[in-house]
Amino acid sequence: MIKESEVYPIGILNKPHGVKGEITFTFTSDVWDRVEADYLICEVDGILVPFFLEEYRFRTDHSAILKFQGMDTVEAVQEMTGLKVYFPHSLTPQDEEEEGYTWQYFQGFHIEDAQGNGLGVIDSVDDATENVLFEVGDLLIPAAEELIVNIDHEKKIIQMQLPEGLTEL
């Protein structure tokens, strides 16, 4: 069984495309193409399920048309409309430069201050504005590169030098 801590969100499935079982996919990261992944993970009724790719083609820089194995009709993919799409941390290249990651990749990472004090786990990432925020419980932490001291991808820990008083707000 795939655990939520093993994946991070990369997009959402939209509406069916054509009549042969294709579906549009809006993504925030193209990591699935860069590593030539065989599958994507979708959340179906609260369960993370892998769906194997038969083929795909890009429409824009942030959307693609996907064809999953075994999904050959518009009715089959109609039920997938609106599903969140995830990608496994284990398939994400660890040797990429930090800017190769999207902020969504860090969902599920632990945040520590520069002294090593744990602040919590990143529940979600708010990237709706130019000022991206890590949501850690009730705490909102700016996801700014200049505040990040160290990232341990293996242990899933981000150490940050936060402005004084930020955690008391």
Protein backbone atom coordinates (compact mmCIF):
# COMPACT_ATOMS: atom_id res chain seq x y z
CA MET A 1 0.00 0.00 0.00
CA ILE A 2 1.31 3.43 -0.95
CA LYS A 3 1.58 5.88 1.95
CA GLU A 4 0.96 9.60 1.64
CA SER A 5 4.44 10.28 3.05
CA GLU A 6 5.95 8.43 0.06
CA VAL A 7 4.46 10.77 -2.56
CA TYR A 8 3.93 14.44 -3.30
CA PRO A 9 1.24 16.16 -5.40
CA ILE A 10 2.08 17.11 -8.98
CA GLY A 11 -1.29 17.89 -10.54
CA ILE A 12 -4.89 17.00 -11.24
CA LEU A 13 -6.76 15.06 -13.90
CA ASN A 14 -9.26 17.17 -15.78
CA LYS A 15 -11.85 16.11 -18.35
CA PRO A 16 -11.69 13.28 -20.90
CA HIS A 17 -10.14 14.12 -24.25
CA GLY A 18 -11.71 12.48 -27.30
CA VAL A 19 -13.38 9.06 -27.21
CA LYS A 20 -10.43 6.65 -26.88
CA GLY A 21 -9.85 6.87 -23.13
CA GLU A 22 -7.53 9.87 -23.03
CA ILE A 23 -7.72 12.47 -20.27
CA THR A 24 -6.24 15.95 -19.82
CA PHE A 25 -3.73 16.44 -17.01
CA THR A 26 -2.72 19.78 -15.50
CA PHE A 27 0.59 19.50 -13.67
CA THR A 28 2.82 21.63 -11.46
CA SER A 29 5.92 19.48 -12.10
CA ASP A 30 7.03 17.55 -15.18
CA VAL A 31 9.21 15.20 -13.12
CA TRP A 32 7.19 12.24 -14.41
CA ASP A 33 8.42 13.01 -17.93
CA ARG A 34 12.00 13.84 -16.97
CA VAL A 35 12.48 10.42 -15.32
CA GLU A 36 10.27 8.62 -17.87
CA ALA A 37 8.01 7.15 -15.18
CA ASP A 38 5.88 4.14 -16.07
CA TYR A 39 3.05 5.20 -13.79
CA LEU A 40 1.41 8.04 -11.90
CA ILE A 41 -0.41 7.74 -8.61
CA CYS A 42 -3.96 8.98 -8.16
CA GLU A 43 -5.98 9.32 -5.00
CA VAL A 44 -9.15 7.25 -5.44
CA ASP A 45 -11.59 7.29 -2.50
CA GLY A 46 -8.75 8.18 -0.13
CA ILE A 47 -6.48 5.38 -1.39
CA LEU A 48 -3.32 6.03 -3.42
CA VAL A 49 -3.46 3.87 -6.56
CA PRO A 50 -0.84 3.57 -9.33
CA PHE A 51 -2.07 3.95 -12.91
CA PHE A 52 0.30 2.83 -15.66
CA LEU A 53 0.85 5.13 -18.61
CA GLU A 54 0.31 3.80 -22.12
CA GLU A 55 1.24 7.05 -23.81
CA TYR A 56 1.09 10.80 -23.37
CA ARG A 57 1.69 14.04 -25.24
CA PHE A 58 2.13 17.60 -24.06
CA ARG A 59 -0.36 20.32 -24.89
CA THR A 60 1.29 23.23 -23.04
CA ASP A 61 4.05 23.72 -20.49
CA HIS A 62 1.59 22.73 -17.76
CA SER A 63 -0.83 20.30 -19.40
CA ALA A 64 -0.73 16.99 -21.21
CA ILE A 65 -3.04 14.35 -22.65
CA LEU A 66 -2.61 11.00 -20.88
CA LYS A 67 -3.65 7.51 -21.90
CA PHE A 68 -3.63 4.94 -19.09
CA GLN A 69 -3.38 1.20 -19.72
CA GLY A 70 -6.78 -0.49 -19.63
CA MET A 71 -8.67 2.78 -19.99
CA ASP A 72 -10.03 2.62 -23.54
CA THR A 73 -13.32 4.50 -23.36
CA VAL A 74 -14.47 7.97 -22.43
CA GLU A 75 -16.65 6.38 -19.71
CA ALA A 76 -13.62 4.73 -18.09
CA VAL A 77 -11.70 7.98 -17.72
CA GLN A 78 -14.78 10.08 -16.94
CA GLU A 79 -14.67 8.66 -13.39
CA MET A 80 -11.08 9.93 -13.04
CA THR A 81 -12.04 13.57 -13.61
CA GLY A 82 -10.87 15.68 -10.68
CA LEU A 83 -8.51 13.10 -9.16
CA LYS A 84 -5.33 14.43 -7.59
CA VAL A 85 -2.13 13.07 -9.13
CA TYR A 86 0.96 12.27 -7.08
CA PHE A 87 4.53 11.20 -7.77
CA PRO A 88 6.74 9.00 -5.59
CA HIS A 89 9.69 10.58 -3.78
CA SER A 90 11.63 7.39 -4.57
CA LEU A 91 11.55 8.08 -8.33
CA THR A 92 12.50 11.75 -8.02
CA PRO A 93 16.13 12.30 -9.00
CA GLN A 94 18.11 13.13 -5.86
CA ASP A 95 21.03 14.61 -7.76
CA GLU A 96 19.00 17.39 -9.37
CA GLU A 97 19.73 20.94 -8.36
CA GLU A 98 17.38 22.24 -5.69
CA GLU A 99 15.64 24.51 -8.18
CA GLY A 100 14.64 21.38 -10.12
CA TYR A 101 12.07 20.62 -7.44
CA THR A 102 8.69 22.23 -7.15
CA TRP A 103 7.61 23.54 -3.77
CA GLN A 104 4.93 20.79 -3.72
CA TYR A 105 7.72 18.19 -3.58
CA PHE A 106 8.43 19.21 0.02
CA GLN A 107 4.96 18.33 1.32
CA GLY A 108 5.48 15.78 4.11
CA PHE A 109 8.98 17.05 5.00
CA HIS A 110 9.75 18.00 8.61
CA ILE A 111 10.72 21.61 9.31
CA GLU A 112 13.43 22.43 11.86
CA ASP A 113 14.78 25.80 12.91
CA ALA A 114 18.52 26.48 12.62
CA GLN A 115 19.04 25.11 16.15
CA GLY A 116 17.47 21.76 15.19
CA ASN A 117 14.16 22.31 17.02
CA GLY A 118 11.29 20.58 15.24
CA LEU A 119 8.43 22.82 14.13
CA GLY A 120 6.26 20.15 12.51
CA VAL A 121 5.49 18.54 9.18
CA ILE A 122 4.56 20.44 6.03
CA ASP A 123 0.86 19.59 5.64
CA SER A 124 0.48 21.48 2.38
CA VAL A 125 2.07 24.18 0.26
CA ASP A 126 0.21 27.35 -0.65
CA ASP A 127 1.61 28.50 -3.97
CA ALA A 128 -1.42 30.49 -5.06
CA THR A 129 0.57 33.74 -4.81
CA GLU A 130 4.15 34.77 -5.53
CA ASN A 131 4.92 34.35 -1.79
CA VAL A 132 4.83 30.57 -1.38
CA LEU A 133 4.04 29.31 2.12
CA PHE A 134 4.60 26.00 3.91
CA GLU A 135 1.54 25.16 6.00
CA VAL A 136 2.75 23.44 9.18
CA GLY A 137 -0.28 22.93 11.39
CA ASP A 138 -1.55 26.45 12.15
CA LEU A 139 1.83 27.94 11.30
CA LEU A 140 2.56 29.56 7.93
CA ILE A 141 6.26 29.58 7.04
CA PRO A 142 7.63 31.46 4.02
CA ALA A 143 9.04 28.95 1.51
CA ALA A 144 11.93 31.17 0.55
CA GLU A 145 15.23 29.75 -0.67
CA GLU A 146 17.19 32.32 1.32
CA LEU A 147 15.67 30.96 4.57
CA ILE A 148 16.62 27.33 3.86
CA VAL A 149 19.86 26.29 5.55
CA ASN A 150 19.89 22.59 4.63
CA ILE A 151 17.68 19.93 3.02
CA ASP A 152 18.05 16.25 3.88
CA HIS A 153 16.07 14.49 1.15
CA GLU A 154 16.66 11.04 2.59
CA LYS A 155 15.35 11.92 6.08
CA LYS A 156 12.85 14.44 4.64
CA ILE A 157 14.00 17.33 6.85
CA ILE A 158 14.31 21.01 5.93
CA GLN A 159 16.36 23.16 8.27
CA MET A 160 15.48 26.86 8.09
CA GLN A 161 16.83 30.12 9.51
CA LEU A 162 13.53 31.80 10.33
CA PRO A 163 13.02 35.48 11.24
CA GLU A 164 12.84 36.04 14.99
CA GLY A 165 9.31 35.83 16.35
CA LEU A 166 7.83 34.11 13.28
CA THR A 167 6.82 30.98 15.19
CA GLU A 168 5.11 33.04 17.91
CA LEU A 169 2.57 34.67 15.56
